[in-house]
């Protein structure tokens, strides 16, 4: 009986810890998206002389990968562009691409 209660308590605590970590990851991802979007807009303004409108941010998959693609377009235009940013390397812009 005590083993069942102990297991139940450990299970509940473990579930709460995992759920809490998930929320922290979401918060971190949101912060990364906001910072990368700002960096991409500023980069395109300075380097490409354009107002870059961010439409989405995609995280690259893989263990240890710290790269995002900030997708968007030039204000008033439809051609999709992406700014590749390594947030693990102080948000260094790695390049741009057309989508």
PDB file of N, CA and C in Angstrom:
ATOM      1  N   UNK A   1       0.821  -1.188   0.000  1.00  0.00           N
ATOM      2  CA  UNK A   1       0.000   0.000   0.000  1.00  0.00           C
ATOM      3  C   UNK A   1       0.874   1.264   0.000  1.00  0.00           C
ATOM      4  N   UNK A   2       1.908   1.278   0.815  1.00  0.00           N
ATOM      5  CA  UNK A   2       2.800   2.430   0.896  1.00  0.00           C
ATOM      6  C   UNK A   2       3.555   2.596  -0.420  1.00  0.00           C
ATOM      7  N   UNK A   3       3.935   1.471  -1.057  1.00  0.00           N
ATOM      8  CA  UNK A   3       4.643   1.547  -2.332  1.00  0.00           C
ATOM      9  C   UNK A   3       3.762   2.186  -3.399  1.00  0.00           C
ATOM     10  N   UNK A   4       2.469   1.851  -3.404  1.00  0.00           N
ATOM     11  CA  UNK A   4       1.556   2.430  -4.388  1.00  0.00           C
ATOM     12  C   UNK A   4       1.413   3.936  -4.175  1.00  0.00           C
ATOM     13  N   UNK A   5       1.295   4.370  -2.928  1.00  0.00           N
ATOM     14  CA  UNK A   5       1.168   5.796  -2.636  1.00  0.00           C
ATOM     15  C   UNK A   5       2.451   6.532  -3.007  1.00  0.00           C
ATOM     16  N   UNK A   6       3.585   5.934  -2.658  1.00  0.00           N
ATOM     17  CA  UNK A   6       4.874   6.543  -2.968  1.00  0.00           C
ATOM     18  C   UNK A   6       5.050   6.656  -4.488  1.00  0.00           C
ATOM     19  N   UNK A   7       4.704   5.586  -5.199  1.00  0.00           N
ATOM     20  CA  UNK A   7       4.790   5.615  -6.658  1.00  0.00           C
ATOM     21  C   UNK A   7       3.872   6.700  -7.217  1.00  0.00           C
ATOM     22  N   UNK A   8       2.680   6.812  -6.703  1.00  0.00           N
ATOM     23  CA  UNK A   8       1.720   7.827  -7.158  1.00  0.00           C
ATOM     24  C   UNK A   8       2.247   9.229  -6.941  1.00  0.00           C
ATOM     25  N   UNK A   9       2.827   9.471  -5.779  1.00  0.00           N
ATOM     26  CA  UNK A   9       3.370  10.790  -5.463  1.00  0.00           C
ATOM     27  C   UNK A   9       4.545  11.114  -6.390  1.00  0.00           C
ATOM     28  N   UNK A  10       5.425  10.151  -6.585  1.00  0.00           N
ATOM     29  CA  UNK A  10       6.574  10.358  -7.474  1.00  0.00           C
ATOM     30  C   UNK A  10       6.103  10.601  -8.900  1.00  0.00           C
ATOM     31  N   UNK A  11       5.088   9.864  -9.329  1.00  0.00           N
ATOM     32  CA  UNK A  11       4.544  10.034 -10.672  1.00  0.00           C
ATOM     33  C   UNK A  11       3.964  11.436 -10.857  1.00  0.00           C
ATOM     34  N   UNK A  12       3.217  11.904  -9.881  1.00  0.00           N
ATOM     35  CA  UNK A  12       2.611  13.238  -9.960  1.00  0.00           C
ATOM     36  C   UNK A  12       3.684  14.322  -9.976  1.00  0.00           C
ATOM     37  N   UNK A  13       4.669  14.203  -9.118  1.00  0.00           N
ATOM     38  CA  UNK A  13       5.753  15.182  -9.080  1.00  0.00           C
ATOM     39  C   UNK A  13       6.517  15.186 -10.405  1.00  0.00           C
ATOM     40  N   UNK A  14       6.804  14.007 -10.921  1.00  0.00           N
ATOM     41  CA  UNK A  14       7.505  13.908 -12.204  1.00  0.00           C
ATOM     42  C   UNK A  14       6.719  14.548 -13.334  1.00  0.00           C
ATOM     43  N   UNK A  15       5.412  14.302 -13.359  1.00  0.00           N
ATOM     44  CA  UNK A  15       4.550  14.890 -14.386  1.00  0.00           C
ATOM     45  C   UNK A  15       4.547  16.414 -14.292  1.00  0.00           C
ATOM     46  N   UNK A  16       4.461  16.936 -13.080  1.00  0.00           N
ATOM     47  CA  UNK A  16       4.468  18.383 -12.892  1.00  0.00           C
ATOM     48  C   UNK A  16       5.798  18.998 -13.325  1.00  0.00           C
ATOM     49  N   UNK A  17       6.885  18.320 -13.021  1.00  0.00           N
ATOM     50  CA  UNK A  17       8.198  18.829 -13.424  1.00  0.00           C
ATOM     51  C   UNK A  17       8.337  18.850 -14.940  1.00  0.00           C
ATOM     52  N   UNK A  18       7.894  17.796 -15.584  1.00  0.00           N
ATOM     53  CA  UNK A  18       7.980  17.738 -17.047  1.00  0.00           C
ATOM     54  C   UNK A  18       7.093  18.807 -17.678  1.00  0.00           C
ATOM     55  N   UNK A  19       5.893  18.963 -17.172  1.00  0.00           N
ATOM     56  CA  UNK A  19       4.987  19.980 -17.712  1.00  0.00           C
ATOM     57  C   UNK A  19       5.563  21.377 -17.508  1.00  0.00           C
ATOM     58  N   UNK A  20       6.163  21.615 -16.371  1.00  0.00           N
ATOM     59  CA  UNK A  20       6.775  22.921 -16.097  1.00  0.00           C
ATOM     60  C   UNK A  20       7.944  23.204 -17.014  1.00  0.00           C
ATOM     61  N   UNK A  21       8.749  22.211 -17.306  1.00  0.00           N
ATOM     62  CA  UNK A  21       9.878  22.394 -18.217  1.00  0.00           C
ATOM     63  C   UNK A  21       9.385  22.707 -19.617  1.00  0.00           C
ATOM     64  N   UNK A  22       8.303  22.091 -20.031  1.00  0.00           N
ATOM     65  CA  UNK A  22       7.744  22.359 -21.350  1.00  0.00           C
ATOM     66  C   UNK A  22       7.338  23.807 -21.492  1.00  0.00           C
ATOM     67  N   UNK A  23       6.743  24.371 -20.471  1.00  0.00           N
ATOM     68  CA  UNK A  23       6.340  25.774 -20.522  1.00  0.00           C
ATOM     69  C   UNK A  23       7.553  26.683 -20.603  1.00  0.00           C
ATOM     70  N   UNK A  24       8.612  26.330 -19.928  1.00  0.00           N
ATOM     71  CA  UNK A  24       9.839  27.127 -19.970  1.00  0.00           C
ATOM     72  C   UNK A  24      10.434  27.100 -21.365  1.00  0.00           C
ATOM     73  N   UNK A  25      10.407  25.929 -22.013  1.00  0.00           N
ATOM     74  CA  UNK A  25      10.911  25.825 -23.376  1.00  0.00           C
ATOM     75  C   UNK A  25      10.095  26.692 -24.321  1.00  0.00           C
ATOM     76  N   UNK A  26       8.764  26.708 -24.148  1.00  0.00           N
ATOM     77  CA  UNK A  26       7.910  27.551 -24.984  1.00  0.00           C
ATOM     78  C   UNK A  26       8.257  29.017 -24.789  1.00  0.00           C
ATOM     79  N   UNK A  27       8.518  29.397 -23.543  1.00  0.00           N
ATOM     80  CA  UNK A  27       8.891  30.782 -23.246  1.00  0.00           C
ATOM     81  C   UNK A  27      10.219  31.114 -23.923  1.00  0.00           C
ATOM     82  N   UNK A  28      11.181  30.221 -23.830  1.00  0.00           N
ATOM     83  CA  UNK A  28      12.479  30.433 -24.467  1.00  0.00           C
ATOM     84  C   UNK A  28      12.334  30.543 -25.981  1.00  0.00           C
ATOM     85  N   UNK A  29      11.510  29.686 -26.577  1.00  0.00           N
ATOM     86  CA  UNK A  29      11.315  29.722 -28.019  1.00  0.00           C
ATOM     87  C   UNK A  29      10.676  31.044 -28.448  1.00  0.00           C
ATOM     88  N   UNK A  30       9.720  31.525 -27.677  1.00  0.00           N
ATOM     89  CA  UNK A  30       9.068  32.796 -27.995  1.00  0.00           C
ATOM     90  C   UNK A  30      10.080  33.942 -27.945  1.00  0.00           C
ATOM     91  N   UNK A  31      10.935  33.919 -26.941  1.00  0.00           N
ATOM     92  CA  UNK A  31      11.972  34.948 -26.813  1.00  0.00           C
ATOM     93  C   UNK A  31      12.949  34.880 -27.990  1.00  0.00           C
ATOM     94  N   UNK A  32      13.325  33.673 -28.386  1.00  0.00           N
ATOM     95  CA  UNK A  32      14.221  33.494 -29.530  1.00  0.00           C
ATOM     96  C   UNK A  32      13.554  34.018 -30.801  1.00  0.00           C
ATOM     97  N   UNK A  33      12.268  33.682 -30.994  1.00  0.00           N
ATOM     98  CA  UNK A  33      11.533  34.159 -32.173  1.00  0.00           C
ATOM     99  C   UNK A  33      11.506  35.677 -32.234  1.00  0.00           C
ATOM    100  N   UNK A  34      11.217  36.318 -31.109  1.00  0.00           N
ATOM    101  CA  UNK A  34      11.146  37.781 -31.077  1.00  0.00           C
ATOM    102  C   UNK A  34      12.499  38.418 -31.368  1.00  0.00           C
ATOM    103  N   UNK A  35      13.551  37.908 -30.738  1.00  0.00           N
ATOM    104  CA  UNK A  35      14.888  38.470 -30.937  1.00  0.00           C
ATOM    105  C   UNK A  35      15.371  38.239 -32.367  1.00  0.00           C
ATOM    106  N   UNK A  36      15.188  37.017 -32.876  1.00  0.00           N
ATOM    107  CA  UNK A  36      15.621  36.703 -34.238  1.00  0.00           C
ATOM    108  C   UNK A  36      14.852  37.540 -35.252  1.00  0.00           C
ATOM    109  N   UNK A  37      13.565  37.758 -35.021  1.00  0.00           N
ATOM    110  CA  UNK A  37      12.765  38.578 -35.934  1.00  0.00           C
ATOM    111  C   UNK A  37      13.285  40.008 -35.983  1.00  0.00           C
ATOM    112  N   UNK A  38      13.613  40.541 -34.821  1.00  0.00           N
ATOM    113  CA  UNK A  38      14.161  41.908 -34.751  1.00  0.00           C
ATOM    114  C   UNK A  38      15.512  41.978 -35.473  1.00  0.00           C
ATOM    115  N   UNK A  39      16.372  41.007 -35.222  1.00  0.00           N
ATOM    116  CA  UNK A  39      17.700  40.978 -35.859  1.00  0.00           C
ATOM    117  C   UNK A  39      17.542  40.886 -37.376  1.00  0.00           C
ATOM    118  N   UNK A  40      16.629  40.025 -37.850  1.00  0.00           N
ATOM    119  CA  UNK A  40      16.420  39.847 -39.291  1.00  0.00           C
ATOM    120  C   UNK A  40      15.931  41.149 -39.931  1.00  0.00           C
ATOM    121  N   UNK A  41      14.989  41.812 -39.281  1.00  0.00           N
ATOM    122  CA  UNK A  41      14.463  43.079 -39.818  1.00  0.00           C
ATOM    123  C   UNK A  41      15.557  44.129 -39.914  1.00  0.00           C
ATOM    124  N   UNK A  42      16.352  44.254 -38.864  1.00  0.00           N
ATOM    125  CA  UNK A  42      17.438  45.232 -38.861  1.00  0.00           C
ATOM    126  C   UNK A  42      18.505  44.887 -39.898  1.00  0.00           C
ATOM    127  N   UNK A  43      18.832  43.602 -40.019  1.00  0.00           N
ATOM    128  CA  UNK A  43      19.831  43.158 -40.993  1.00  0.00           C
ATOM    129  C   UNK A  43      19.385  43.508 -42.406  1.00  0.00           C
ATOM    130  N   UNK A  44      18.134  43.202 -42.732  1.00  0.00           N
ATOM    131  CA  UNK A  44      17.634  43.478 -44.079  1.00  0.00           C
ATOM    132  C   UNK A  44      17.559  44.989 -44.349  1.00  0.00           C
ATOM    133  N   UNK A  45      17.263  45.744 -43.323  1.00  0.00           N
ATOM    134  CA  UNK A  45      17.201  47.209 -43.479  1.00  0.00           C
ATOM    135  C   UNK A  45      18.589  47.766 -43.794  1.00  0.00           C
ATOM    136  N   UNK A  46      19.600  47.302 -43.083  1.00  0.00           N
ATOM    137  CA  UNK A  46      20.963  47.823 -43.248  1.00  0.00           C
ATOM    138  C   UNK A  46      21.646  47.233 -44.479  1.00  0.00           C
ATOM    139  N   UNK A  47      21.590  45.919 -44.634  1.00  0.00           N
ATOM    140  CA  UNK A  47      22.348  45.250 -45.697  1.00  0.00           C
ATOM    141  C   UNK A  47      21.643  45.262 -47.053  1.00  0.00           C
ATOM    142  N   UNK A  48      20.326  45.139 -47.061  1.00  0.00           N
ATOM    143  CA  UNK A  48      19.582  45.039 -48.318  1.00  0.00           C
ATOM    144  C   UNK A  48      18.750  46.289 -48.619  1.00  0.00           C
ATOM    145  N   UNK A  49      18.777  47.250 -47.703  1.00  0.00           N
ATOM    146  CA  UNK A  49      18.034  48.510 -47.868  1.00  0.00           C
ATOM    147  C   UNK A  49      16.541  48.271 -48.127  1.00  0.00           C
ATOM    148  N   UNK A  50      15.927  47.406 -47.285  1.00  0.00           N
ATOM    149  CA  UNK A  50      14.504  47.109 -47.439  1.00  0.00           C
ATOM    150  C   UNK A  50      13.822  46.973 -46.093  1.00  0.00           C
ATOM    151  N   UNK A  51      12.531  47.253 -46.088  1.00  0.00           N
ATOM    152  CA  UNK A  51      11.705  47.004 -44.907  1.00  0.00           C
ATOM    153  C   UNK A  51      11.240  45.563 -44.991  1.00  0.00           C
ATOM    154  N   UNK A  52      11.721  44.736 -44.074  1.00  0.00           N
ATOM    155  CA  UNK A  52      11.442  43.300 -44.064  1.00  0.00           C
ATOM    156  C   UNK A  52      10.287  43.018 -43.117  1.00  0.00           C
ATOM    157  N   UNK A  53       9.226  42.434 -43.640  1.00  0.00           N
ATOM    158  CA  UNK A  53       8.053  42.079 -42.852  1.00  0.00           C
ATOM    159  C   UNK A  53       8.138  40.597 -42.505  1.00  0.00           C
ATOM    160  N   UNK A  54       8.271  40.277 -41.229  1.00  0.00           N
ATOM    161  CA  UNK A  54       8.392  38.887 -40.767  1.00  0.00           C
ATOM    162  C   UNK A  54       7.019  38.228 -40.774  1.00  0.00           C
ATOM    163  N   UNK A  55       6.965  37.016 -41.361  1.00  0.00           N
ATOM    164  CA  UNK A  55       5.717  36.264 -41.391  1.00  0.00           C
ATOM    165  C   UNK A  55       5.758  35.023 -40.500  1.00  0.00           C
ATOM    166  N   UNK A  56       6.948  34.444 -40.309  1.00  0.00           N
ATOM    167  CA  UNK A  56       7.067  33.259 -39.453  1.00  0.00           C
ATOM    168  C   UNK A  56       8.534  33.007 -39.110  1.00  0.00           C
ATOM    169  N   UNK A  57       8.735  32.175 -38.095  1.00  0.00           N
ATOM    170  CA  UNK A  57      10.077  31.757 -37.702  1.00  0.00           C
ATOM    171  C   UNK A  57      10.068  30.243 -37.590  1.00  0.00           C
ATOM    172  N   UNK A  58      10.995  29.582 -38.296  1.00  0.00           N
ATOM    173  CA  UNK A  58      11.087  28.122 -38.270  1.00  0.00           C
ATOM    174  C   UNK A  58      12.384  27.709 -37.591  1.00  0.00           C
ATOM    175  N   UNK A  59      12.259  26.799 -36.619  1.00  0.00           N
ATOM    176  CA  UNK A  59      13.429  26.247 -35.943  1.00  0.00           C
ATOM    177  C   UNK A  59      13.934  25.045 -36.726  1.00  0.00           C
ATOM    178  N   UNK A  60      15.243  24.979 -36.979  1.00  0.00           N
ATOM    179  CA  UNK A  60      15.832  23.826 -37.642  1.00  0.00           C
ATOM    180  C   UNK A  60      15.874  22.674 -36.648  1.00  0.00           C
ATOM    181  N   UNK A  61      15.674  21.456 -37.133  1.00  0.00           N
ATOM    182  CA  UNK A  61      15.679  20.271 -36.275  1.00  0.00           C
ATOM    183  C   UNK A  61      17.087  19.707 -36.132  1.00  0.00           C
ATOM    184  N   UNK A  62      17.291  19.006 -35.050  1.00  0.00           N
ATOM    185  CA  UNK A  62      18.553  18.320 -34.824  1.00  0.00           C
ATOM    186  C   UNK A  62      19.115  18.627 -33.456  1.00  0.00           C
ATOM    187  N   UNK A  63      19.790  17.657 -32.903  1.00  0.00           N
ATOM    188  CA  UNK A  63      20.370  17.823 -31.582  1.00  0.00           C
ATOM    189  C   UNK A  63      21.519  18.819 -31.643  1.00  0.00           C
ATOM    190  N   UNK A  64      21.456  19.827 -30.805  1.00  0.00           N
ATOM    191  CA  UNK A  64      22.511  20.828 -30.747  1.00  0.00           C
ATOM    192  C   UNK A  64      22.413  21.904 -31.819  1.00  0.00           C
ATOM    193  N   UNK A  65      21.378  21.859 -32.647  1.00  0.00           N
ATOM    194  CA  UNK A  65      21.203  22.855 -33.707  1.00  0.00           C
ATOM    195  C   UNK A  65      20.565  24.100 -33.106  1.00  0.00           C
ATOM    196  N   UNK A  66      21.163  25.237 -33.347  1.00  0.00           N
ATOM    197  CA  UNK A  66      20.676  26.509 -32.787  1.00  0.00           C
ATOM    198  C   UNK A  66      20.426  27.519 -33.893  1.00  0.00           C
ATOM    199  N   UNK A  67      19.774  27.069 -34.951  1.00  0.00           N
ATOM    200  CA  UNK A  67      19.553  27.914 -36.119  1.00  0.00           C
ATOM    201  C   UNK A  67      18.058  28.050 -36.404  1.00  0.00           C
ATOM    202  N   UNK A  68      17.666  29.255 -36.810  1.00  0.00           N
ATOM    203  CA  UNK A  68      16.284  29.514 -37.213  1.00  0.00           C
ATOM    204  C   UNK A  68      16.275  30.192 -38.575  1.00  0.00           C
ATOM    205  N   UNK A  69      15.160  30.010 -39.276  1.00  0.00           N
ATOM    206  CA  UNK A  69      14.914  30.739 -40.518  1.00  0.00           C
ATOM    207  C   UNK A  69      13.793  31.729 -40.231  1.00  0.00           C
ATOM    208  N   UNK A  70      14.099  32.998 -40.372  1.00  0.00           N
ATOM    209  CA  UNK A  70      13.085  34.041 -40.189  1.00  0.00           C
ATOM    210  C   UNK A  70      12.537  34.338 -41.576  1.00  0.00           C
ATOM    211  N   UNK A  71      11.281  33.952 -41.809  1.00  0.00           N
ATOM    212  CA  UNK A  71      10.655  34.088 -43.116  1.00  0.00           C
ATOM    213  C   UNK A  71       9.862  35.384 -43.198  1.00  0.00           C
ATOM    214  N   UNK A  72       9.825  35.946 -44.393  1.00  0.00           N
ATOM    215  CA  UNK A  72       9.071  37.167 -44.577  1.00  0.00           C
ATOM    216  C   UNK A  72       9.185  37.669 -46.003  1.00  0.00           C
ATOM    217  N   UNK A  73       8.871  38.937 -46.189  1.00  0.00           N
ATOM    218  CA  UNK A  73       8.923  39.545 -47.513  1.00  0.00           C
ATOM    219  C   UNK A  73       9.196  41.040 -47.366  1.00  0.00           C
ATOM    220  N   UNK A  74       9.622  41.626 -48.483  1.00  0.00           N
ATOM    221  CA  UNK A  74       9.834  43.072 -48.491  1.00  0.00           C
ATOM    222  C   UNK A  74       8.469  43.760 -48.459  1.00  0.00           C
ATOM    223  N   UNK A  75       8.385  44.821 -47.713  1.00  0.00           N
ATOM    224  CA  UNK A  75       7.121  45.558 -47.597  1.00  0.00           C
ATOM    225  C   UNK A  75       6.632  45.965 -48.991  1.00  0.00           C
ATOM    226  N   UNK A  76       5.375  45.593 -49.285  1.00  0.00           N
ATOM    227  CA  UNK A  76       4.783  45.922 -50.564  1.00  0.00           C
ATOM    228  C   UNK A  76       5.080  44.927 -51.676  1.00  0.00           C
ATOM    229  N   UNK A  77       5.874  43.902 -51.395  1.00  0.00           N
ATOM    230  CA  UNK A  77       6.226  42.885 -52.396  1.00  0.00           C
ATOM    231  C   UNK A  77       5.762  41.518 -51.895  1.00  0.00           C
ATOM    232  N   UNK A  78       5.682  40.556 -52.822  1.00  0.00           N
ATOM    233  CA  UNK A  78       5.211  39.220 -52.449  1.00  0.00           C
ATOM    234  C   UNK A  78       6.316  38.173 -52.407  1.00  0.00           C
ATOM    235  N   UNK A  79       7.488  38.469 -52.983  1.00  0.00           N
ATOM    236  CA  UNK A  79       8.570  37.489 -53.027  1.00  0.00           C
ATOM    237  C   UNK A  79       9.005  37.130 -51.608  1.00  0.00           C
ATOM    238  N   UNK A  80       8.908  35.839 -51.285  1.00  0.00           N
ATOM    239  CA  UNK A  80       9.268  35.349 -49.953  1.00  0.00           C
ATOM    240  C   UNK A  80      10.787  35.248 -49.801  1.00  0.00           C
ATOM    241  N   UNK A  81      11.271  35.702 -48.669  1.00  0.00           N
ATOM    242  CA  UNK A  81      12.688  35.656 -48.335  1.00  0.00           C
ATOM    243  C   UNK A  81      12.864  35.019 -46.964  1.00  0.00           C
ATOM    244  N   UNK A  82      14.069  34.570 -46.692  1.00  0.00           N
ATOM    245  CA  UNK A  82      14.385  34.026 -45.365  1.00  0.00           C
ATOM    246  C   UNK A  82      15.747  34.546 -44.928  1.00  0.00           C
ATOM    247  N   UNK A  83      15.846  34.854 -43.655  1.00  0.00           N
ATOM    248  CA  UNK A  83      17.116  35.234 -43.051  1.00  0.00           C
ATOM    249  C   UNK A  83      17.478  34.109 -42.087  1.00  0.00           C
ATOM    250  N   UNK A  84      18.650  33.512 -42.290  1.00  0.00           N
ATOM    251  CA  UNK A  84      19.099  32.389 -41.466  1.00  0.00           C
ATOM    252  C   UNK A  84      19.944  32.942 -40.328  1.00  0.00           C
ATOM    253  N   UNK A  85      19.535  32.610 -39.094  1.00  0.00           N
ATOM    254  CA  UNK A  85      20.192  33.167 -37.906  1.00  0.00           C
ATOM    255  C   UNK A  85      20.570  32.044 -36.948  1.00  0.00           C
ATOM    256  N   UNK A  86      21.796  32.109 -36.432  1.00  0.00           N
ATOM    257  CA  UNK A  86      22.264  31.163 -35.413  1.00  0.00           C
ATOM    258  C   UNK A  86      22.143  31.833 -34.047  1.00  0.00           C
ATOM    259  N   UNK A  87      21.070  31.500 -33.317  1.00  0.00           N
ATOM    260  CA  UNK A  87      20.862  32.130 -32.015  1.00  0.00           C
ATOM    261  C   UNK A  87      21.835  31.608 -30.968  1.00  0.00           C
ATOM    262  N   UNK A  88      22.481  30.500 -31.225  1.00  0.00           N
ATOM    263  CA  UNK A  88      23.484  29.971 -30.307  1.00  0.00           C
ATOM    264  C   UNK A  88      24.817  30.682 -30.426  1.00  0.00           C
ATOM    265  N   UNK A  89      24.984  31.444 -31.496  1.00  0.00           N
ATOM    266  CA  UNK A  89      26.214  32.204 -31.748  1.00  0.00           C
ATOM    267  C   UNK A  89      25.889  33.695 -31.691  1.00  0.00           C
ATOM    268  N   UNK A  90      25.239  34.109 -30.597  1.00  0.00           N
ATOM    269  CA  UNK A  90      24.893  35.514 -30.352  1.00  0.00           C
ATOM    270  C   UNK A  90      24.062  36.110 -31.495  1.00  0.00           C
ATOM    271  N   UNK A  91      23.137  35.312 -32.020  1.00  0.00           N
ATOM    272  CA  UNK A  91      22.212  35.741 -33.077  1.00  0.00           C
ATOM    273  C   UNK A  91      22.949  36.240 -34.324  1.00  0.00           C
ATOM    274  N   UNK A  92      23.959  35.488 -34.729  1.00  0.00           N
ATOM    275  CA  UNK A  92      24.734  35.852 -35.921  1.00  0.00           C
ATOM    276  C   UNK A  92      23.939  35.475 -37.176  1.00  0.00           C
ATOM    277  N   UNK A  93      23.839  36.413 -38.107  1.00  0.00           N
ATOM    278  CA  UNK A  93      23.171  36.152 -39.378  1.00  0.00           C
ATOM    279  C   UNK A  93      24.107  35.317 -40.247  1.00  0.00           C
ATOM    280  N   UNK A  94      23.606  34.153 -40.700  1.00  0.00           N
ATOM    281  CA  UNK A  94      24.420  33.276 -41.525  1.00  0.00           C
ATOM    282  C   UNK A  94      24.210  33.523 -43.011  1.00  0.00           C
ATOM    283  N   UNK A  95      23.073  34.133 -43.345  1.00  0.00           N
ATOM    284  CA  UNK A  95      22.823  34.417 -44.748  1.00  0.00           C
ATOM    285  C   UNK A  95      21.341  34.638 -45.001  1.00  0.00           C
ATOM    286  N   UNK A  96      21.035  34.833 -46.287  1.00  0.00           N
ATOM    287  CA  UNK A  96      19.659  35.023 -46.716  1.00  0.00           C
ATOM    288  C   UNK A  96      19.362  34.066 -47.859  1.00  0.00           C
ATOM    289  N   UNK A  97      18.082  33.835 -48.091  1.00  0.00           N
ATOM    290  CA  UNK A  97      17.663  32.948 -49.181  1.00  0.00           C
ATOM    291  C   UNK A  97      16.292  33.365 -49.676  1.00  0.00           C
ATOM    292  N   UNK A  98      16.002  33.009 -50.923  1.00  0.00           N
ATOM    293  CA  UNK A  98      14.668  33.209 -51.469  1.00  0.00           C
ATOM    294  C   UNK A  98      13.877  31.930 -51.251  1.00  0.00           C
ATOM    295  N   UNK A  99      12.631  32.069 -50.853  1.00  0.00           N
ATOM    296  CA  UNK A  99      11.773  30.891 -50.649  1.00  0.00           C
ATOM    297  C   UNK A  99      10.995  30.610 -51.911  1.00  0.00           C
TER     298      UNK A  99
END
